């Protein structure tokens, strides 16, 4: 009795799909190699966000328990990489006192040239802030010590372009205290930088 045999031809659609997937896979591999090679050539240093200077322009509170303040803060963005400019985006900070948010500091996307730095000046003026009992105690203690402390938190997302195929991204985060002398309103310099977070 003869045996019956059958053959099924592969659909042209399947062949086309397989070829397209192979081409995409090869392109992804080549793109990864190019990005890695460019990264090794550029060998970028992580960008840095830091507080350059500050000043307590105004600080007052009344017997009713309402506080008002105004601060000048200078934020510096540094790009120590000598082979590519850096783009900084989503730059946001919040300034607070004893956990009470005083203001949000924001900045649109900006670029820092190779081996350069850029400084941005913020003038932060609060609206009248009702003080909690803990805030009153903290302010009384601050006047006794002649030092008042604010908290600054936030950061920026930085990236370098590595040719036409991609970019290298980093996060630059700050979390530090800004200290001022109440007698003269001067800033007490301290290390407030994202460098130690990398």
Protein backbone atom coordinates (compact mmCIF):
# COMPACT_ATOMS: atom_id res chain seq x y z
CA UNK A 1 0.00 0.00 0.00
CA UNK A 2 1.57 3.28 -1.04
CA UNK A 3 2.35 5.87 1.67
CA UNK A 4 0.90 9.28 1.36
CA UNK A 5 3.21 12.23 2.00
CA UNK A 6 2.48 15.91 2.18
CA UNK A 7 4.68 19.01 2.10
CA UNK A 8 3.68 22.42 3.42
CA UNK A 9 5.31 25.43 1.80
CA UNK A 10 6.35 28.16 4.24
CA UNK A 11 4.22 31.23 3.84
CA UNK A 12 6.00 34.22 2.24
CA UNK A 13 4.58 36.33 5.03
CA UNK A 14 6.44 34.26 7.64
CA UNK A 15 9.67 34.53 5.65
CA UNK A 16 9.30 38.31 5.43
CA UNK A 17 8.53 38.58 9.14
CA UNK A 18 11.60 36.50 9.99
CA UNK A 19 13.85 38.61 7.78
CA UNK A 20 12.52 41.84 9.27
CA UNK A 21 13.07 40.55 12.83
CA UNK A 22 16.63 39.52 11.93
CA UNK A 23 17.35 42.94 10.46
CA UNK A 24 15.95 44.69 13.54
CA UNK A 25 18.02 42.46 15.86
CA UNK A 26 21.21 43.19 13.92
CA UNK A 27 20.45 46.94 13.96
CA UNK A 28 19.91 46.87 17.74
CA UNK A 29 23.20 45.02 18.28
CA UNK A 30 25.10 47.42 16.02
CA UNK A 31 23.48 50.41 17.74
CA UNK A 32 24.49 49.06 21.17
CA UNK A 33 28.07 48.53 20.02
CA UNK A 34 28.21 52.07 18.60
CA UNK A 35 26.84 53.61 21.81
CA UNK A 36 29.26 51.59 23.94
CA UNK A 37 32.21 52.56 21.73
CA UNK A 38 31.21 56.23 21.83
CA UNK A 39 30.84 56.04 25.62
CA UNK A 40 34.32 54.57 25.95
CA UNK A 41 35.75 57.28 23.70
CA UNK A 42 33.99 60.11 25.51
CA UNK A 43 34.40 58.45 28.93
CA UNK A 44 32.14 61.10 30.50
CA UNK A 45 32.38 62.39 34.01
CA UNK A 46 29.09 62.59 35.83
CA UNK A 47 27.68 66.15 35.78
CA UNK A 48 27.32 67.98 39.07
CA UNK A 49 24.63 70.18 40.58
CA UNK A 50 25.60 72.22 43.64
CA UNK A 51 24.79 75.29 45.72
CA UNK A 52 27.30 77.97 44.80
CA UNK A 53 26.16 80.61 47.28
CA UNK A 54 23.13 81.87 49.16
CA UNK A 55 21.91 84.75 51.29
CA UNK A 56 19.08 85.20 53.75
CA UNK A 57 17.61 88.49 52.56
CA UNK A 58 14.70 88.52 54.98
CA UNK A 59 13.57 86.55 58.00
CA UNK A 60 10.91 87.69 60.41
CA UNK A 61 8.09 86.32 62.51
CA UNK A 62 5.55 87.99 64.74
CA UNK A 63 3.90 87.23 68.05
CA UNK A 64 0.84 85.89 66.24
CA UNK A 65 3.00 83.05 64.93
CA UNK A 66 3.42 83.97 61.26
CA UNK A 67 6.78 83.68 59.52
CA UNK A 68 8.03 85.36 56.35
CA UNK A 69 11.35 84.86 54.62
CA UNK A 70 13.22 85.64 51.43
CA UNK A 71 16.36 83.85 50.24
CA UNK A 72 18.71 84.24 47.31
CA UNK A 73 20.13 80.91 46.16
CA UNK A 74 22.64 80.33 43.36
CA UNK A 75 22.65 76.83 41.84
CA UNK A 76 25.62 75.81 39.69
CA UNK A 77 25.54 73.09 37.01
CA UNK A 78 28.95 71.70 36.01
CA UNK A 79 30.02 69.66 33.02
CA UNK A 80 33.60 68.43 33.49
CA UNK A 81 33.45 66.28 30.36
CA UNK A 82 35.83 67.60 27.70
CA UNK A 83 34.27 65.84 24.70
CA UNK A 84 30.54 66.56 24.79
CA UNK A 85 28.11 69.22 26.06
CA UNK A 86 25.61 68.18 28.72
CA UNK A 87 21.86 68.74 28.69
CA UNK A 88 20.09 69.28 32.01
CA UNK A 89 16.35 68.71 32.22
CA UNK A 90 13.61 68.36 34.85
CA UNK A 91 15.55 70.56 37.26
CA UNK A 92 13.38 70.87 40.36
CA UNK A 93 14.06 71.67 44.01
CA UNK A 94 11.96 72.25 47.09
CA UNK A 95 12.98 74.52 49.94
CA UNK A 96 11.52 73.82 53.37
CA UNK A 97 11.86 74.71 57.02
CA UNK A 98 11.13 72.15 59.72
CA UNK A 99 9.31 70.05 57.15
CA UNK A 100 7.12 72.94 55.96
CA UNK A 101 7.59 73.59 52.23
CA UNK A 102 8.38 77.24 51.56
CA UNK A 103 8.83 77.20 47.79
CA UNK A 104 9.50 75.10 44.70
CA UNK A 105 12.42 76.02 42.45
CA UNK A 106 12.15 74.98 38.80
CA UNK A 107 14.20 75.44 35.66
CA UNK A 108 13.61 74.57 32.00
CA UNK A 109 16.02 72.45 29.98
CA UNK A 110 19.43 74.03 29.49
CA UNK A 111 22.81 73.07 28.07
CA UNK A 112 26.28 73.35 29.59
CA UNK A 113 29.21 73.41 27.18
CA UNK A 114 32.24 71.14 27.43
CA UNK A 115 34.31 71.75 30.58
CA UNK A 116 32.09 74.66 31.59
CA UNK A 117 29.66 75.56 34.34
CA UNK A 118 26.52 77.67 34.43
CA UNK A 119 25.01 79.44 37.45
CA UNK A 120 21.33 80.19 37.95
CA UNK A 121 20.01 82.68 40.51
CA UNK A 122 16.81 82.00 42.39
CA UNK A 123 15.03 84.60 44.49
CA UNK A 124 12.74 82.73 46.86
CA UNK A 125 10.09 84.76 48.63
CA UNK A 126 7.61 83.00 50.84
CA UNK A 127 4.05 83.97 51.52
CA UNK A 128 3.15 84.37 55.22
CA UNK A 129 3.51 80.95 56.85
CA UNK A 130 1.55 80.04 60.01
CA UNK A 131 3.94 78.37 62.41
CA UNK A 132 3.26 75.17 64.28
CA UNK A 133 4.39 74.84 67.93
CA UNK A 134 7.42 72.81 66.80
CA UNK A 135 8.37 75.53 64.31
CA UNK A 136 8.16 78.17 67.04
CA UNK A 137 10.43 76.12 69.26
CA UNK A 138 12.87 75.64 66.38
CA UNK A 139 12.97 79.39 65.66
CA UNK A 140 13.52 80.25 69.35
CA UNK A 141 16.39 77.80 69.41
CA UNK A 142 17.75 79.21 66.13
CA UNK A 143 17.90 82.73 67.60
CA UNK A 144 19.70 81.41 70.66
CA UNK A 145 22.26 79.64 68.47
CA UNK A 146 22.36 82.46 65.89
CA UNK A 147 21.91 79.82 63.17
CA UNK A 148 18.81 78.96 61.18
CA UNK A 149 18.66 75.89 58.95
CA UNK A 150 16.62 75.34 55.79
CA UNK A 151 16.37 72.09 53.82
CA UNK A 152 16.95 71.93 50.08
CA UNK A 153 16.04 68.78 48.16
CA UNK A 154 15.73 67.95 44.48
CA UNK A 155 17.92 67.59 41.44
CA UNK A 156 18.17 67.39 37.69
CA UNK A 157 18.43 64.79 34.94
CA UNK A 158 21.51 65.23 32.77
CA UNK A 159 22.56 63.53 29.58
CA UNK A 160 25.25 63.54 26.92
CA UNK A 161 24.61 62.83 23.28
CA UNK A 162 26.90 60.07 22.00
CA UNK A 163 26.56 60.50 18.29
CA UNK A 164 23.29 60.32 16.38
CA UNK A 165 22.10 57.06 17.91
CA UNK A 166 21.65 57.67 21.59
CA UNK A 167 22.64 59.37 24.83
CA UNK A 168 24.06 58.63 28.26
CA UNK A 169 21.81 59.70 31.15
CA UNK A 170 22.54 60.52 34.77
CA UNK A 171 20.59 61.77 37.76
CA UNK A 172 22.04 64.61 39.84
CA UNK A 173 20.33 64.76 43.23
CA UNK A 174 20.73 67.20 46.11
CA UNK A 175 19.68 66.77 49.71
CA UNK A 176 21.33 69.18 52.10
CA UNK A 177 20.93 71.90 54.69
CA UNK A 178 21.36 75.60 54.06
CA UNK A 179 22.61 77.34 57.20
CA UNK A 180 22.50 81.09 57.82
CA UNK A 181 23.61 83.34 60.66
CA UNK A 182 20.61 85.30 61.91
CA UNK A 183 22.82 88.14 63.16
CA UNK A 184 24.02 89.12 59.69
CA UNK A 185 21.95 86.85 57.38
CA UNK A 186 25.08 85.46 55.75
CA UNK A 187 25.28 81.93 54.37
CA UNK A 188 27.49 79.49 56.27
CA UNK A 189 29.29 77.62 53.46
CA UNK A 190 28.86 73.85 53.46
CA UNK A 191 29.22 70.99 51.01
CA UNK A 192 25.92 70.97 49.18
CA UNK A 193 26.50 69.03 45.97
CA UNK A 194 25.35 66.00 44.03
CA UNK A 195 28.98 64.87 43.57
CA UNK A 196 29.03 62.61 46.63
CA UNK A 197 25.85 60.85 45.46
CA UNK A 198 27.51 59.35 42.33
